[in-house]
Amino acid sequence: MTRYENYAVLIAGIQLLVSGLGFVVVAWSLRVLVKTLDAQSSAGVALRQLEFDKTILAYPALHRYFYQGDELNRDDPEYARAMAAAQLLANYFDGYFRQRGMYRQMWPDEQWIPYIQDHIRKSPVLRRYVNANPAWFSPEFVKMCEEVGRQR
């Protein structure tokens, strides 16, 4: 081999090594990015839950409409507030269905599904809100509200 060929082989080897290191860096960066997205998704979920919890703590009269199965009449003084809370809770649960499979969830499906079903079961206000606005929510969430409502 000539001196030129030796240099060409050496340079090709260095290029291959640098390319391999670049691949490792990109793979590591993607792994970090996925973990960051998962963490942000979980933080967003926790924040939405806290928003609903703060609403119930600030207005304890709403508790009965979301945890005790009480019906809500249009002439109830808490109607507007309860419907706003229903929208907040519905958006929170709908977020689970829309993000499922895209990001790792805060809890596994076998915990999420019964948690959401239990809320739907205990809250005619939530069921009524979702069933009255099905185009706003994922089909899976609307279907769950319909099915749980029929089981009652």
C-alpha atoms as a PDB file:
ATOM      1  CA  MET A   1       0.000   0.000   0.000  1.00  0.00           C
ATOM      2  CA  THR A   2       1.183   3.454  -0.773  1.00  0.00           C
ATOM      3  CA  ARG A   3       1.537   6.168   1.773  1.00  0.00           C
ATOM      4  CA  TYR A   4      -1.554   7.880   0.275  1.00  0.00           C
ATOM      5  CA  GLU A   5      -3.608   4.693   0.653  1.00  0.00           C
ATOM      6  CA  ASN A   6      -2.468   4.320   4.273  1.00  0.00           C
ATOM      7  CA  TYR A   7      -3.607   7.874   5.041  1.00  0.00           C
ATOM      8  CA  ALA A   8      -6.910   7.284   3.264  1.00  0.00           C
ATOM      9  CA  VAL A   9      -7.534   4.133   5.343  1.00  0.00           C
ATOM     10  CA  LEU A  10      -6.572   5.968   8.548  1.00  0.00           C
ATOM     11  CA  ILE A  11      -8.864   8.899   7.747  1.00  0.00           C
ATOM     12  CA  ALA A  12     -11.710   6.522   6.859  1.00  0.00           C
ATOM     13  CA  GLY A  13     -11.202   4.734  10.195  1.00  0.00           C
ATOM     14  CA  ILE A  14     -11.258   8.041  12.094  1.00  0.00           C
ATOM     15  CA  GLN A  15     -14.426   9.062  10.226  1.00  0.00           C
ATOM     16  CA  LEU A  16     -16.056   5.768  11.158  1.00  0.00           C
ATOM     17  CA  LEU A  17     -15.067   6.223  14.818  1.00  0.00           C
ATOM     18  CA  VAL A  18     -16.398   9.807  14.891  1.00  0.00           C
ATOM     19  CA  SER A  19     -19.627   8.666  13.212  1.00  0.00           C
ATOM     20  CA  GLY A  20     -20.025   5.904  15.796  1.00  0.00           C
ATOM     21  CA  LEU A  21     -19.462   8.357  18.652  1.00  0.00           C
ATOM     22  CA  GLY A  22     -21.963  10.736  17.050  1.00  0.00           C
ATOM     23  CA  PHE A  23     -24.523   7.948  16.929  1.00  0.00           C
ATOM     24  CA  VAL A  24     -23.960   7.212  20.627  1.00  0.00           C
ATOM     25  CA  VAL A  25     -24.428  10.891  21.502  1.00  0.00           C
ATOM     26  CA  VAL A  26     -27.637  11.128  19.459  1.00  0.00           C
ATOM     27  CA  ALA A  27     -29.025   7.931  21.032  1.00  0.00           C
ATOM     28  CA  TRP A  28     -28.194   9.225  24.521  1.00  0.00           C
ATOM     29  CA  SER A  29     -29.780  12.613  23.727  1.00  0.00           C
ATOM     30  CA  LEU A  30     -32.966  10.936  22.529  1.00  0.00           C
ATOM     31  CA  ARG A  31     -33.130   8.869  25.693  1.00  0.00           C
ATOM     32  CA  VAL A  32     -32.790  12.014  27.811  1.00  0.00           C
ATOM     33  CA  LEU A  33     -35.430  13.745  25.683  1.00  0.00           C
ATOM     34  CA  VAL A  34     -37.909  10.889  26.168  1.00  0.00           C
ATOM     35  CA  LYS A  35     -37.363  10.978  29.936  1.00  0.00           C
ATOM     36  CA  THR A  36     -37.867  14.749  29.920  1.00  0.00           C
ATOM     37  CA  LEU A  37     -41.117  14.426  27.960  1.00  0.00           C
ATOM     38  CA  ASP A  38     -42.350  11.743  30.352  1.00  0.00           C
ATOM     39  CA  ALA A  39     -41.516  13.940  33.345  1.00  0.00           C
ATOM     40  CA  GLN A  40     -43.260  16.958  31.813  1.00  0.00           C
ATOM     41  CA  SER A  41     -46.308  14.865  30.960  1.00  0.00           C
ATOM     42  CA  SER A  42     -46.524  13.533  34.515  1.00  0.00           C
ATOM     43  CA  ALA A  43     -46.076  17.028  35.943  1.00  0.00           C
ATOM     44  CA  GLY A  44     -48.889  18.310  33.724  1.00  0.00           C
ATOM     45  CA  VAL A  45     -51.172  15.498  34.857  1.00  0.00           C
ATOM     46  CA  ALA A  46     -50.392  16.188  38.512  1.00  0.00           C
ATOM     47  CA  LEU A  47     -51.045  19.910  38.018  1.00  0.00           C
ATOM     48  CA  ARG A  48     -54.441  19.251  36.458  1.00  0.00           C
ATOM     49  CA  GLN A  49     -55.414  16.966  39.331  1.00  0.00           C
ATOM     50  CA  LEU A  50     -54.339  19.620  41.825  1.00  0.00           C
ATOM     51  CA  GLU A  51     -56.432  22.237  40.010  1.00  0.00           C
ATOM     52  CA  PHE A  52     -59.540  20.116  40.466  1.00  0.00           C
ATOM     53  CA  ASP A  53     -58.640  19.303  44.076  1.00  0.00           C
ATOM     54  CA  LYS A  54     -58.158  23.016  44.831  1.00  0.00           C
ATOM     55  CA  THR A  55     -61.579  23.745  43.342  1.00  0.00           C
ATOM     56  CA  ILE A  56     -63.229  21.189  45.615  1.00  0.00           C
ATOM     57  CA  LEU A  57     -61.296  22.516  48.625  1.00  0.00           C
ATOM     58  CA  ALA A  58     -62.241  26.110  47.821  1.00  0.00           C
ATOM     59  CA  TYR A  59     -65.910  25.186  47.264  1.00  0.00           C
ATOM     60  CA  PRO A  60     -66.676  22.180  49.496  1.00  0.00           C
ATOM     61  CA  ALA A  61     -70.368  22.277  48.507  1.00  0.00           C
ATOM     62  CA  LEU A  62     -69.277  20.815  45.149  1.00  0.00           C
ATOM     63  CA  HIS A  63     -67.944  17.650  46.779  1.00  0.00           C
ATOM     64  CA  ARG A  64     -71.346  15.976  46.788  1.00  0.00           C
ATOM     65  CA  TYR A  65     -71.709  16.345  43.013  1.00  0.00           C
ATOM     66  CA  PHE A  66     -68.409  14.621  42.267  1.00  0.00           C
ATOM     67  CA  TYR A  67     -67.982  12.093  45.077  1.00  0.00           C
ATOM     68  CA  GLN A  68     -71.417  11.331  46.526  1.00  0.00           C
ATOM     69  CA  GLY A  69     -73.587  10.866  43.442  1.00  0.00           C
ATOM     70  CA  ASP A  70     -75.862  13.868  44.004  1.00  0.00           C
ATOM     71  CA  GLU A  71     -77.748  15.230  41.016  1.00  0.00           C
ATOM     72  CA  LEU A  72     -77.394  18.884  40.091  1.00  0.00           C
ATOM     73  CA  ASN A  73     -80.428  20.949  39.146  1.00  0.00           C
ATOM     74  CA  ARG A  74     -80.172  23.973  36.848  1.00  0.00           C
ATOM     75  CA  ASP A  75     -81.652  26.200  39.550  1.00  0.00           C
ATOM     76  CA  ASP A  76     -79.034  25.157  42.116  1.00  0.00           C
ATOM     77  CA  PRO A  77     -76.946  28.175  43.196  1.00  0.00           C
ATOM     78  CA  GLU A  78     -73.795  26.074  42.631  1.00  0.00           C
ATOM     79  CA  TYR A  79     -74.809  25.079  39.075  1.00  0.00           C
ATOM     80  CA  ALA A  80     -72.359  27.283  37.169  1.00  0.00           C
ATOM     81  CA  ARG A  81     -69.490  26.476  39.507  1.00  0.00           C
ATOM     82  CA  ALA A  82     -70.225  22.728  39.406  1.00  0.00           C
ATOM     83  CA  MET A  83     -70.387  22.722  35.612  1.00  0.00           C
ATOM     84  CA  ALA A  84     -67.053  24.571  35.433  1.00  0.00           C
ATOM     85  CA  ALA A  85     -65.572  21.976  37.787  1.00  0.00           C
ATOM     86  CA  ALA A  86     -67.077  19.206  35.623  1.00  0.00           C
ATOM     87  CA  GLN A  87     -65.359  20.710  32.595  1.00  0.00           C
ATOM     88  CA  LEU A  88     -62.058  20.840  34.486  1.00  0.00           C
ATOM     89  CA  LEU A  89     -62.356  17.191  35.556  1.00  0.00           C
ATOM     90  CA  ALA A  90     -63.536  16.046  32.129  1.00  0.00           C
ATOM     91  CA  ASN A  91     -60.576  17.752  30.446  1.00  0.00           C
ATOM     92  CA  TYR A  92     -58.240  16.127  32.963  1.00  0.00           C
ATOM     93  CA  PHE A  93     -59.562  12.631  32.271  1.00  0.00           C
ATOM     94  CA  ASP A  94     -59.750  13.248  28.536  1.00  0.00           C
ATOM     95  CA  GLY A  95     -56.052  14.106  28.628  1.00  0.00           C
ATOM     96  CA  TYR A  96     -55.340  10.543  29.721  1.00  0.00           C
ATOM     97  CA  PHE A  97     -57.135   9.104  26.692  1.00  0.00           C
ATOM     98  CA  ARG A  98     -55.515  11.533  24.268  1.00  0.00           C
ATOM     99  CA  GLN A  99     -51.976  10.932  25.582  1.00  0.00           C
ATOM    100  CA  ARG A 100     -52.246   7.205  26.136  1.00  0.00           C
ATOM    101  CA  GLY A 101     -49.539   5.428  24.167  1.00  0.00           C
ATOM    102  CA  MET A 102     -47.649   8.632  23.390  1.00  0.00           C
ATOM    103  CA  TYR A 103     -46.044   9.248  26.771  1.00  0.00           C
ATOM    104  CA  ARG A 104     -45.531   7.098  29.794  1.00  0.00           C
ATOM    105  CA  GLN A 105     -48.394   7.903  32.121  1.00  0.00           C
ATOM    106  CA  MET A 106     -48.065   8.893  35.741  1.00  0.00           C
ATOM    107  CA  TRP A 107     -49.807   5.657  36.722  1.00  0.00           C
ATOM    108  CA  PRO A 108     -50.279   2.415  34.767  1.00  0.00           C
ATOM    109  CA  ASP A 109     -53.517   1.805  32.834  1.00  0.00           C
ATOM    110  CA  GLU A 110     -54.701  -0.733  35.394  1.00  0.00           C
ATOM    111  CA  GLN A 111     -54.845   2.136  37.914  1.00  0.00           C
ATOM    112  CA  TRP A 112     -56.069   4.916  35.611  1.00  0.00           C
ATOM    113  CA  ILE A 113     -59.078   3.098  34.166  1.00  0.00           C
ATOM    114  CA  PRO A 114     -60.720   2.148  37.496  1.00  0.00           C
ATOM    115  CA  TYR A 115     -59.897   5.607  38.895  1.00  0.00           C
ATOM    116  CA  ILE A 116     -61.661   7.342  36.012  1.00  0.00           C
ATOM    117  CA  GLN A 117     -64.574   4.858  36.044  1.00  0.00           C
ATOM    118  CA  ASP A 118     -65.051   5.404  39.775  1.00  0.00           C
ATOM    119  CA  HIS A 119     -65.240   9.174  39.287  1.00  0.00           C
ATOM    120  CA  ILE A 120     -67.709   8.758  36.439  1.00  0.00           C
ATOM    121  CA  ARG A 121     -69.804   6.352  38.520  1.00  0.00           C
ATOM    122  CA  LYS A 122     -69.977   8.759  41.479  1.00  0.00           C
ATOM    123  CA  SER A 123     -70.645  11.912  39.463  1.00  0.00           C
ATOM    124  CA  PRO A 124     -73.813  12.288  37.416  1.00  0.00           C
ATOM    125  CA  VAL A 125     -72.663  15.879  36.758  1.00  0.00           C
ATOM    126  CA  LEU A 126     -69.486  14.662  35.066  1.00  0.00           C
ATOM    127  CA  ARG A 127     -71.362  12.051  33.020  1.00  0.00           C
ATOM    128  CA  ARG A 128     -73.980  14.550  31.922  1.00  0.00           C
ATOM    129  CA  TYR A 129     -71.351  17.123  30.938  1.00  0.00           C
ATOM    130  CA  VAL A 130     -69.352  14.680  28.809  1.00  0.00           C
ATOM    131  CA  ASN A 131     -72.459  13.127  27.235  1.00  0.00           C
ATOM    132  CA  ALA A 132     -73.808  16.601  26.396  1.00  0.00           C
ATOM    133  CA  ASN A 133     -70.535  17.564  24.659  1.00  0.00           C
ATOM    134  CA  PRO A 134     -69.214  14.390  23.015  1.00  0.00           C
ATOM    135  CA  ALA A 135     -67.403  16.198  20.190  1.00  0.00           C
ATOM    136  CA  TRP A 136     -65.124  17.876  22.745  1.00  0.00           C
ATOM    137  CA  PHE A 137     -63.716  14.622  24.096  1.00  0.00           C
ATOM    138  CA  SER A 138     -62.019  11.472  22.873  1.00  0.00           C
ATOM    139  CA  PRO A 139     -64.415   8.738  21.719  1.00  0.00           C
ATOM    140  CA  GLU A 140     -63.001   6.324  24.349  1.00  0.00           C
ATOM    141  CA  PHE A 141     -63.805   8.734  27.188  1.00  0.00           C
ATOM    142  CA  VAL A 142     -67.314   9.431  25.882  1.00  0.00           C
ATOM    143  CA  LYS A 143     -67.934   5.690  25.508  1.00  0.00           C
ATOM    144  CA  MET A 144     -66.723   5.064  29.063  1.00  0.00           C
ATOM    145  CA  CYS A 145     -69.096   7.723  30.396  1.00  0.00           C
ATOM    146  CA  GLU A 146     -72.009   6.181  28.493  1.00  0.00           C
ATOM    147  CA  GLU A 147     -71.199   2.631  29.632  1.00  0.00           C
ATOM    148  CA  VAL A 148     -70.636   3.514  33.279  1.00  0.00           C
ATOM    149  CA  GLY A 149     -73.833   5.585  33.236  1.00  0.00           C
ATOM    150  CA  ARG A 150     -75.815   2.585  31.960  1.00  0.00           C
ATOM    151  CA  GLN A 151     -74.385   0.371  34.729  1.00  0.00           C
ATOM    152  CA  ARG A 152     -75.728   2.600  37.470  1.00  0.00           C
END
